[in-house]
Protein backbone atom coordinates (compact mmCIF):
# COMPACT_ATOMS: atom_id res chain seq x y z
CA MET A 1 26.49 -17.59 -8.30
CA THR A 2 23.55 -18.68 -10.88
CA ALA A 3 19.76 -18.52 -10.38
CA THR A 4 17.98 -21.49 -9.24
CA PRO A 5 16.03 -22.71 -12.32
CA THR A 6 12.29 -21.89 -12.20
CA ALA A 7 8.65 -22.42 -13.87
CA PRO A 8 7.64 -19.52 -15.79
CA LEU A 9 4.47 -17.78 -14.33
CA LYS A 10 1.20 -18.16 -15.88
CA ARG A 11 -0.77 -15.07 -17.85
CA ARG A 12 -4.15 -15.48 -16.46
CA LEU A 13 -5.67 -12.30 -14.96
CA GLY A 14 -7.82 -10.26 -17.13
CA LEU A 15 -8.60 -6.88 -16.46
CA VAL A 16 -11.64 -7.45 -14.21
CA GLN A 17 -9.25 -9.48 -12.07
CA ALA A 18 -6.64 -7.12 -12.05
CA THR A 19 -8.70 -3.98 -11.23
CA ALA A 20 -10.00 -6.34 -8.30
CA LEU A 21 -7.18 -6.90 -7.00
CA ASN A 22 -5.73 -3.25 -7.10
CA MET A 23 -8.72 -2.02 -5.35
CA ILE A 24 -9.07 -4.63 -2.29
CA ASP A 25 -5.45 -4.05 -1.84
CA MET A 26 -6.36 0.04 -1.51
CA VAL A 27 -9.64 -0.40 0.63
CA GLY A 28 -8.35 -2.35 3.26
CA ILE A 29 -8.54 -1.29 6.65
CA GLY A 30 -7.00 1.80 6.04
CA PRO A 31 -10.17 4.10 5.20
CA PHE A 32 -11.97 2.92 8.30
CA VAL A 33 -9.38 3.85 10.72
CA THR A 34 -7.73 6.98 9.01
CA LEU A 35 -10.91 8.56 8.59
CA PRO A 36 -11.36 10.27 11.86
CA LEU A 37 -7.85 10.94 12.25
CA VAL A 38 -7.99 12.93 8.92
CA MET A 39 -10.96 14.63 10.41
CA GLY A 40 -9.09 15.65 13.60
CA PHE A 41 -6.34 17.05 11.58
CA MET A 42 -8.15 19.11 9.23
CA GLY A 43 -11.41 19.64 11.04
CA PRO A 44 -14.59 20.72 8.60
CA ASN A 45 -11.95 20.94 5.04
CA PHE A 46 -11.35 16.94 5.64
CA LEU A 47 -12.71 16.34 1.90
CA LEU A 48 -9.77 17.82 0.85
CA ALA A 49 -7.07 15.62 1.91
CA TRP A 50 -8.73 12.67 0.42
CA VAL A 51 -8.95 14.64 -3.14
CA VAL A 52 -5.08 15.71 -2.28
CA GLY A 53 -4.44 11.62 -1.69
CA ALA A 54 -6.59 10.87 -5.09
CA ALA A 55 -4.56 13.73 -6.81
CA LEU A 56 -0.95 12.20 -6.12
CA SER A 57 -2.51 8.88 -6.73
CA LEU A 58 -3.33 9.94 -10.44
CA VAL A 59 0.25 11.44 -10.87
CA ASP A 60 2.29 8.51 -9.52
CA GLY A 61 -0.18 6.13 -11.33
CA LEU A 62 1.45 7.57 -14.54
CA ILE A 63 4.75 6.54 -13.86
CA TRP A 64 3.64 3.55 -12.73
CA SER A 65 1.44 2.65 -15.66
CA GLU A 66 4.13 3.55 -18.20
CA LEU A 67 6.78 0.97 -16.54
CA GLY A 68 4.56 -1.61 -15.75
CA ALA A 69 2.85 -1.58 -19.35
CA ALA A 70 6.67 -1.75 -20.42
CA TYR A 71 8.37 -4.10 -18.56
CA PRO A 72 5.45 -6.33 -17.39
CA GLU A 73 7.51 -8.42 -14.78
CA ALA A 74 7.09 -10.32 -11.94
CA GLY A 75 8.44 -7.61 -9.28
CA GLY A 76 7.36 -4.82 -10.24
CA SER A 77 9.43 -1.59 -8.55
CA TYR A 78 12.56 -4.20 -8.63
CA ARG A 79 12.64 -4.33 -12.50
CA PHE A 80 11.65 -1.22 -12.95
CA LEU A 81 14.71 0.25 -10.61
CA LYS A 82 17.25 -2.42 -12.25
CA LEU A 83 16.18 -1.34 -15.19
CA ALA A 84 16.45 2.40 -14.78
CA TYR A 85 19.77 2.39 -13.14
CA GLY A 86 21.63 0.00 -15.25
CA GLU A 87 21.58 -3.77 -14.66
CA GLN A 88 25.09 -3.93 -14.22
CA LYS A 89 25.94 -1.22 -11.75
CA TRP A 90 23.66 1.27 -9.99
CA GLY A 91 20.78 -0.88 -10.67
CA ARG A 92 21.58 -3.72 -8.52
CA LEU A 93 22.04 -0.96 -5.88
CA MET A 94 18.52 0.46 -6.43
CA SER A 95 16.79 -2.89 -6.54
CA PHE A 96 18.86 -4.26 -4.05
CA LEU A 97 17.43 -2.11 -1.71
CA TYR A 98 13.96 -2.13 -2.42
CA VAL A 99 13.80 -5.99 -1.60
CA TRP A 100 15.54 -5.25 0.83
CA GLN A 101 13.26 -2.71 2.26
CA THR A 102 10.23 -5.10 1.03
CA LEU A 103 11.54 -8.14 3.64
CA VAL A 104 10.53 -5.58 6.07
CA GLN A 105 7.81 -3.39 5.04
CA ALA A 106 5.63 -6.14 3.34
CA PRO A 107 5.44 -7.50 6.81
CA LEU A 108 4.39 -4.58 8.44
CA VAL A 109 1.96 -3.52 5.25
CA VAL A 110 0.37 -7.15 6.62
CA ALA A 111 1.01 -6.41 10.22
CA SER A 112 -0.49 -3.24 9.53
CA GLY A 113 -4.14 -4.44 8.06
CA ALA A 114 -3.92 -7.65 10.77
CA ILE A 115 -3.68 -5.16 13.57
CA GLY A 116 -6.60 -3.37 12.13
CA PHE A 117 -8.81 -6.21 11.47
CA ALA A 118 -8.30 -6.89 15.50
CA GLN A 119 -9.15 -3.37 16.50
CA TYR A 120 -12.71 -3.72 14.56
CA PHE A 121 -12.96 -7.05 15.75
CA GLY A 122 -12.90 -5.91 18.92
CA TYR A 123 -16.32 -4.22 18.65
CA LEU A 124 -18.21 -7.55 18.20
CA VAL A 125 -16.34 -9.76 20.73
CA PRO A 126 -15.03 -7.55 23.72
CA LEU A 127 -10.86 -8.31 23.69
CA THR A 128 -10.33 -6.97 27.23
CA GLU A 129 -6.75 -9.05 27.88
CA TRP A 130 -3.83 -7.89 26.06
CA TRP A 131 -3.19 -10.94 24.20
CA GLN A 132 -6.38 -11.37 22.56
CA PRO A 133 -5.93 -8.97 20.02
CA LYS A 134 -2.58 -10.26 18.88
CA LEU A 135 -3.97 -14.08 19.03
CA VAL A 136 -6.88 -12.60 16.48
CA SER A 137 -4.33 -10.46 14.34
CA GLY A 138 -1.88 -13.47 14.23
CA ALA A 139 -4.68 -16.07 13.27
CA VAL A 140 -5.81 -13.58 10.39
CA VAL A 141 -1.99 -13.81 8.78
CA LEU A 142 -2.20 -17.70 9.31
CA LEU A 143 -5.72 -18.24 7.52
CA LEU A 144 -4.16 -15.27 4.74
CA LEU A 145 -1.35 -18.26 4.30
CA ALA A 146 -3.64 -21.18 3.90
CA LEU A 147 -5.70 -19.17 1.37
CA LEU A 148 -2.52 -17.95 -0.88
CA TYR A 149 -1.27 -21.08 -1.05
CA ARG A 150 -3.01 -21.91 -4.80
CA LYS A 151 -2.67 -21.49 -8.28
CA ILE A 152 -2.86 -17.79 -9.74
CA GLU A 153 -6.20 -18.40 -11.54
CA ASP A 154 -7.98 -19.70 -8.69
CA ILE A 155 -6.57 -16.59 -7.08
CA GLY A 156 -8.17 -14.21 -9.15
CA ARG A 157 -11.59 -15.69 -9.19
CA LEU A 158 -10.81 -15.63 -5.09
CA GLY A 159 -9.88 -11.88 -5.63
CA VAL A 160 -13.10 -10.77 -7.05
CA LEU A 161 -15.38 -12.53 -4.69
CA LEU A 162 -13.39 -10.65 -2.12
CA TRP A 163 -13.76 -7.17 -4.41
CA LEU A 164 -17.74 -7.80 -4.40
CA GLY A 165 -18.27 -7.37 -0.45
CA VAL A 166 -15.54 -4.33 -0.82
CA LEU A 167 -18.14 -2.70 -3.30
CA GLY A 168 -21.12 -3.80 -1.21
CA LEU A 169 -19.85 -2.51 1.98
CA MET A 170 -19.06 0.87 0.53
CA GLY A 171 -22.30 1.15 -1.34
CA TRP A 172 -24.43 0.49 1.97
CA LEU A 173 -22.59 2.92 3.55
CA ILE A 174 -22.59 5.99 1.15
CA VAL A 175 -26.33 4.93 0.64
CA GLY A 176 -27.14 5.02 4.13
CA GLY A 177 -25.27 8.99 4.87
CA VAL A 178 -26.97 10.03 1.47
CA THR A 179 -30.62 8.81 2.77
CA HIS A 180 -30.09 10.01 6.51
CA ALA A 181 -27.91 13.14 5.84
CA THR A 182 -28.85 15.45 8.92
CA HIS A 183 -25.28 17.94 8.74
CA PRO A 184 -23.87 19.86 5.75
CA VAL A 185 -20.38 19.06 5.22
CA ALA A 186 -18.06 21.70 3.05
CA TRP A 187 -16.28 20.97 0.22
CA LEU A 188 -14.49 24.30 0.26
CA PRO A 189 -12.74 26.16 3.46
CA ALA A 190 -14.76 28.84 4.66
CA GLY A 191 -12.99 31.69 2.87
CA GLY A 192 -13.32 29.48 -0.41
CA VAL A 193 -11.65 29.03 -3.33
CA GLY A 194 -8.89 32.05 -2.25
CA ALA A 195 -8.26 30.18 0.68
CA LEU A 196 -7.09 27.26 -1.00
CA PRO A 197 -3.44 28.36 -0.73
CA GLY A 198 -3.08 28.21 2.83
CA VAL A 199 -5.35 25.41 3.26
CA LEU A 200 -3.05 22.98 1.23
CA LEU A 201 0.16 24.07 2.52
CA SER A 202 -0.73 24.00 6.30
CA ALA A 203 1.39 21.21 8.52
CA ALA A 204 -2.30 19.75 9.14
CA MET A 205 -3.04 18.80 5.51
CA GLY A 206 0.77 17.19 5.29
CA GLN A 207 -0.18 15.03 8.43
CA ALA A 208 -3.39 14.23 7.29
CA THR A 209 -2.33 13.57 3.13
CA VAL A 210 0.09 10.78 5.13
CA LYS A 211 -3.57 8.96 6.37
CA THR A 212 -4.68 9.34 3.11
CA ILE A 213 -1.81 8.21 1.19
CA TYR A 214 -1.40 4.92 3.08
CA SER A 215 -5.54 4.71 2.22
CA TYR A 216 -4.83 4.66 -1.44
CA LEU A 217 -1.76 2.94 -1.48
CA GLY A 218 -2.10 -0.15 -3.84
CA TYR A 219 -3.41 0.65 -7.04
CA TYR A 220 0.23 -0.51 -8.53
CA ASN A 221 -0.49 -4.13 -6.75
CA VAL A 222 -0.94 -5.16 -10.59
CA CYS A 223 2.92 -4.22 -11.40
CA HIS A 224 4.02 -6.57 -8.81
CA LEU A 225 2.15 -9.42 -10.68
CA GLY A 226 2.98 -8.14 -14.03
CA GLY A 227 4.20 -11.62 -15.16
CA GLU A 228 0.88 -12.85 -14.57
CA VAL A 229 -1.36 -10.32 -16.63
CA GLN A 230 -2.75 -11.09 -19.85
CA ALA A 231 -2.34 -8.65 -22.83
CA PRO A 232 -0.15 -6.70 -19.78
CA HIS A 233 0.83 -3.53 -22.31
CA LYS A 234 -3.59 -2.37 -22.14
CA ILE A 235 -4.51 -4.23 -18.66
CA ILE A 236 -1.99 -2.77 -16.56
CA PRO A 237 -2.45 0.91 -17.28
CA ARG A 238 -6.21 0.19 -17.56
CA SER A 239 -6.17 -1.32 -14.20
CA ILE A 240 -4.46 1.26 -12.34
CA PHE A 241 -6.68 4.19 -13.42
CA LEU A 242 -9.36 2.57 -13.05
CA SER A 243 -9.03 1.58 -9.67
CA ILE A 244 -7.41 5.32 -8.77
CA LEU A 245 -10.89 6.63 -10.34
CA GLY A 246 -13.20 4.16 -8.09
CA ILE A 247 -11.83 4.27 -4.94
CA MET A 248 -10.90 8.01 -4.98
CA ALA A 249 -14.89 8.43 -5.81
CA LEU A 250 -15.89 5.36 -3.22
CA TYR A 251 -13.37 7.96 -0.83
CA LEU A 252 -14.99 11.18 -1.27
CA LEU A 253 -18.69 9.54 -0.93
CA LEU A 254 -18.02 7.52 1.81
CA ASN A 255 -16.24 10.74 4.04
CA TRP A 256 -19.42 12.60 3.39
CA SER A 257 -21.65 10.41 4.41
CA VAL A 258 -20.24 9.89 7.39
CA GLY A 259 -19.49 13.75 8.09
CA SER A 260 -23.49 14.37 6.85
CA VAL A 261 -24.31 12.11 9.77
CA ILE A 262 -22.13 12.09 12.67
CA PRO A 263 -20.85 15.69 13.08
CA TRP A 264 -17.07 15.88 11.98
CA ALA A 265 -15.95 17.25 15.62
CA GLU A 266 -17.86 14.10 17.29
CA ALA A 267 -16.71 11.38 14.52
CA SER A 268 -12.84 12.63 14.71
CA HIS A 269 -12.97 10.71 18.59
CA SER A 270 -14.72 7.41 17.41
CA GLU A 271 -12.55 4.40 17.61
CA PHE A 272 -14.98 2.44 15.32
CA ILE A 273 -16.39 5.16 13.16
CA VAL A 274 -18.13 2.71 10.65
CA SER A 275 -19.98 0.67 13.39
CA THR A 276 -20.70 3.98 15.54
CA PHE A 277 -22.18 5.19 11.82
CA VAL A 278 -24.26 2.24 11.06
CA GLU A 279 -25.60 1.89 14.72
CA ARG A 280 -26.51 5.48 14.53
CA ILE A 281 -28.58 5.22 11.05
CA TYR A 282 -29.84 1.66 11.49
CA GLY A 283 -29.68 0.68 14.90
CA ALA A 284 -27.23 -1.92 17.37
CA ALA A 285 -27.79 -5.12 14.86
CA ALA A 286 -27.18 -3.29 12.04
CA ALA A 287 -23.64 -1.89 13.28
CA LYS A 288 -22.40 -5.28 13.85
CA ALA A 289 -23.33 -6.55 9.89
CA ALA A 290 -21.59 -3.56 9.02
CA THR A 291 -18.27 -4.32 11.59
CA ALA A 292 -18.77 -7.77 10.05
CA LEU A 293 -18.32 -6.67 6.43
CA VAL A 294 -15.28 -3.77 7.37
CA LEU A 295 -13.65 -7.52 8.59
CA TRP A 296 -14.34 -8.84 5.21
CA VAL A 297 -12.65 -6.08 3.56
CA ALA A 298 -9.85 -5.64 5.89
CA PHE A 299 -9.03 -9.41 5.20
CA ALA A 300 -9.43 -8.84 0.98
CA SER A 301 -6.91 -6.06 1.36
CA LEU A 302 -4.39 -7.88 3.25
CA PHE A 303 -5.26 -11.12 0.43
CA ALA A 304 -4.20 -8.72 -2.20
CA VAL A 305 -1.22 -6.98 -0.50
CA LEU A 306 0.52 -10.43 0.30
CA LEU A 307 -0.27 -11.96 -3.07
CA GLY A 308 1.78 -8.59 -5.06
CA TYR A 309 4.41 -8.76 -2.00
CA SER A 310 5.25 -12.06 -2.38
CA ARG A 311 6.76 -11.69 -6.19
CA ILE A 312 9.23 -9.25 -5.36
CA PRO A 313 11.91 -11.47 -3.26
CA TYR A 314 10.66 -13.89 -6.15
CA ALA A 315 11.49 -11.82 -8.78
CA ALA A 316 15.29 -10.80 -7.67
CA ALA A 317 16.24 -14.10 -6.80
CA ALA A 318 15.13 -15.45 -10.11
CA ASP A 319 17.18 -12.71 -11.50
CA GLY A 320 20.35 -14.11 -9.43
CA GLU A 321 20.39 -11.16 -7.48
CA PHE A 322 18.76 -12.42 -3.90
CA LEU A 323 19.16 -15.56 -2.19
CA PRO A 324 17.95 -18.63 -4.58
CA VAL A 325 15.90 -20.23 -1.98
CA PHE A 326 13.03 -17.51 -2.90
CA ALA A 327 13.39 -17.98 -6.66
CA ARG A 328 11.49 -22.15 -6.02
CA THR A 329 8.43 -21.96 -7.60
CA HIS A 330 5.62 -25.15 -6.14
CA PRO A 331 5.92 -28.20 -8.40
CA THR A 332 2.31 -28.60 -9.23
CA LYS A 333 1.07 -24.96 -8.30
CA HIS A 334 3.45 -22.80 -10.09
CA PHE A 335 3.43 -19.93 -7.53
CA PRO A 336 6.53 -18.37 -5.15
CA HIS A 337 5.76 -20.44 -2.29
CA VAL A 338 9.17 -19.99 -0.56
CA SER A 339 8.67 -16.00 -0.75
CA LEU A 340 5.02 -16.22 0.69
CA LEU A 341 6.01 -18.48 3.46
CA LEU A 342 8.85 -16.00 4.69
CA LEU A 343 6.83 -12.74 4.14
CA GLY A 344 3.66 -14.25 5.81
CA GLY A 345 5.21 -15.65 8.99
CA VAL A 346 7.53 -12.20 9.30
CA GLY A 347 4.05 -10.05 9.27
CA PHE A 348 2.74 -12.87 11.81
CA VAL A 349 5.61 -11.87 14.42
CA PHE A 350 5.04 -8.30 13.51
CA SER A 351 1.27 -8.82 14.26
CA LEU A 352 2.29 -9.97 17.63
CA LEU A 353 4.51 -6.63 18.37
CA PHE A 354 3.73 -3.62 16.89
CA LYS A 355 0.81 -1.06 17.11
CA LEU A 356 -1.05 0.28 14.44
CA GLY A 357 -0.40 4.30 14.04
CA GLU A 358 3.30 4.04 14.42
CA VAL A 359 3.44 1.34 11.66
CA ILE A 360 1.54 3.30 9.10
CA SER A 361 4.24 6.22 9.21
CA ALA A 362 6.84 3.89 9.57
CA ILE A 363 5.61 2.03 6.06
CA LEU A 364 5.50 5.61 4.15
CA ALA A 365 8.75 7.01 5.58
CA MET A 366 10.48 3.88 4.42
CA ARG A 367 8.95 3.41 1.14
CA ILE A 368 9.09 7.05 -0.41
CA LEU A 369 12.74 7.79 -0.99
CA VAL A 370 13.80 4.41 -2.87
CA GLN A 371 9.90 3.31 -4.38
CA PHE A 372 8.28 6.41 -5.22
CA VAL A 373 10.93 8.58 -5.66
CA GLY A 374 13.55 6.29 -6.94
CA GLN A 375 11.35 4.96 -9.59
CA ALA A 376 10.27 8.51 -10.61
CA VAL A 377 13.88 9.42 -11.47
CA GLY A 378 14.23 6.51 -12.99
CA LEU A 379 11.64 6.42 -15.13
CA VAL A 380 13.59 10.00 -16.60
CA LEU A 381 16.90 7.97 -17.20
CA LEU A 382 15.03 4.98 -18.78
CA ARG A 383 13.74 7.32 -20.97
CA ARG A 384 17.18 9.37 -21.95
CA ARG A 385 18.68 5.48 -22.52
CA ARG A 386 15.98 4.32 -24.52
CA GLY A 387 14.06 6.91 -25.85
CA THR A 388 10.14 6.39 -26.20
CA GLN A 389 9.88 4.63 -29.27
CA GLY A 390 7.86 1.32 -28.67
CA LEU A 391 6.60 2.33 -25.27
CA PRO A 392 3.12 0.96 -24.75
CA PHE A 393 1.80 4.04 -22.83
CA ARG A 394 3.29 7.02 -22.64
CA MET A 395 2.22 9.59 -19.64
CA PRO A 396 1.15 13.30 -20.85
CA LEU A 397 2.60 15.98 -20.50
CA TYR A 398 6.25 14.91 -19.44
CA PRO A 399 8.60 15.19 -17.95
CA LEU A 400 5.43 17.74 -15.52
CA PRO A 401 4.10 14.39 -13.77
CA VAL A 402 7.42 12.85 -12.59
CA VAL A 403 8.90 16.37 -11.42
CA VAL A 404 4.94 16.84 -9.08
CA ALA A 405 5.36 12.97 -8.19
CA VAL A 406 9.13 13.61 -6.83
CA ALA A 407 8.24 17.27 -4.75
CA VAL A 408 4.82 15.85 -3.26
CA TRP A 409 6.69 12.57 -2.59
CA LEU A 410 9.00 14.40 -0.72
CA TRP A 411 6.66 16.94 0.89
CA VAL A 412 4.75 13.80 2.51
CA PHE A 413 8.31 12.27 3.55
CA PHE A 414 8.90 15.51 5.76
CA SER A 415 5.63 15.66 6.97
CA ILE A 416 5.43 12.52 9.01
CA GLN A 417 5.73 13.66 12.52
CA ASP A 418 5.82 10.36 14.05
CA GLY A 419 8.42 7.97 15.63
CA VAL A 420 9.90 5.99 17.80
CA ARG A 421 10.71 6.82 21.78
CA LEU A 422 13.50 4.67 22.93
CA SER A 423 13.71 4.42 26.95
CA PHE A 424 17.42 3.76 28.12
CA SER A 425 16.51 4.47 31.45
CA GLU A 426 14.14 6.87 33.47
CA THR A 427 15.73 9.61 33.00
CA VAL A 428 17.31 8.70 29.26
CA THR A 429 14.40 8.23 26.51
CA LEU A 430 15.57 8.88 22.68
CA PHE A 431 12.92 9.91 19.78
CA LEU A 432 13.73 8.28 16.81
CA PRO A 433 11.83 10.28 13.66
CA PHE A 434 10.80 7.36 11.06
CA GLN A 435 12.49 9.94 8.54
CA VAL A 436 15.65 9.02 10.33
CA GLY A 437 14.67 4.77 10.73
CA ALA A 438 14.39 5.16 6.93
CA LEU A 439 17.44 6.19 6.13
CA LEU A 440 19.14 3.93 8.68
CA MET A 441 17.54 1.23 7.11
CA MET A 442 18.94 2.06 3.33
CA ALA A 443 22.68 2.35 4.99
CA VAL A 444 21.84 -1.18 6.25
CA GLY A 445 20.98 -2.24 2.90
CA VAL A 446 23.87 -0.29 1.46
CA GLY A 447 26.25 -2.70 3.63
CA VAL A 448 24.69 -6.00 2.74
CA PHE A 449 24.67 -5.11 -0.52
CA LEU A 450 28.45 -4.50 -0.86
CA LEU A 451 28.86 -7.97 1.36
CA TRP A 452 26.68 -9.86 -0.94
CA SER A 453 28.39 -8.44 -4.01
CA ARG A 454 31.71 -8.97 -2.51
CA ARG A 455 30.39 -12.69 -2.03
CA LEU A 456 29.26 -13.21 -5.67
CA LYS A 457 32.18 -11.09 -7.11
CA ARG A 458 29.75 -8.58 -9.12
CA TRP A 459 30.06 -4.66 -9.16
CA PRO A 460 31.96 -3.06 -7.45
CA PHE A 461 34.17 -5.72 -6.57
CA GLU A 462 34.07 -7.88 -10.26
CA LYS A 463 37.88 -8.70 -11.28
């Protein structure tokens, strides 16, 4: 089966737009709903978890930068995995598994943001009936689809506007903490530097890092839009590191600000920590305004998330490795509208069905093995096969960043302790860890890949 003819994507995104789209992807509802959870896990050492999350993002950012600068095409990891493991054999399987998971994980990411949006919306308008939060989260997804149904240059300008809202909110919260600090915040554990190894290797740090990593994810969003970035060999690495460093600074200052006004033991039990924080400083009216800005930020992040993910099934279909309908682009606006509508539609359904906490853990469990670990190993394979000549960006200290990234990602994977409880009767209940669910999803994906390859008469069924 041949790929459906498709119009080329336009390279219209500059450094400011690319960085803005990365940053609004990263700062969604995540830091505002995970901040209390991290404090609950880490106690007075909560800042360390955000530092560990930033460190992993920077190391992993080296991998994304090298791959993104060398292969700036739509789809990001889809293209990287296919090239790394061989375009005709194992690369087809790895890239297919990534797209297969994207059809589920991308809508889950959209749903998590929409559900978090509805949670904070409840501070402004009490949502007392069970269906009211679902109505809000579903409406958010539909509005996203309406805004994204347009040309990429319009998307870039709108992304910068939303980014300004992100910076405005974070700046306000940080200044509020600096000017009203009443409680000391510890940057190191009670035992000083000597106590760091024990704290960093604790089970609490593992669980807290799962939450902080969720809040950092998105620094690679520009790689999914690689086919629409100007001078990608320069802009992709720069936008990745600018966004990670910028968000790291904002997150650390935000957590310090909150902890300096509200003791961590109290903050860890707050459902609307930002609203509570602003209300403590400026009163109820200001708290409502801050909550409205949180909703702005959450919506801006979903905007960037759905934009980037919509390019992944498109890239696979345009490459002849997925259903051809996903390769269709809008006849006048030149964006993959079928992919956008399907992922947004499934995200709409998921936003009506699931809870926020479980979705966060499920997203990470599903993505780590194929995307993050698989991609890191794939970079090593690419270097061995193609060498380093002609690479626009080469990571320093290779292969140390790859080894560290793989080890930490696996540590995060096994640190996930959440799961789904399946009740078969009043006496029989099965707990399914998310790690097991991720492996089952991969196994089903392998089966679907084999059926698809047999239909196409491609590896491993070629004649």
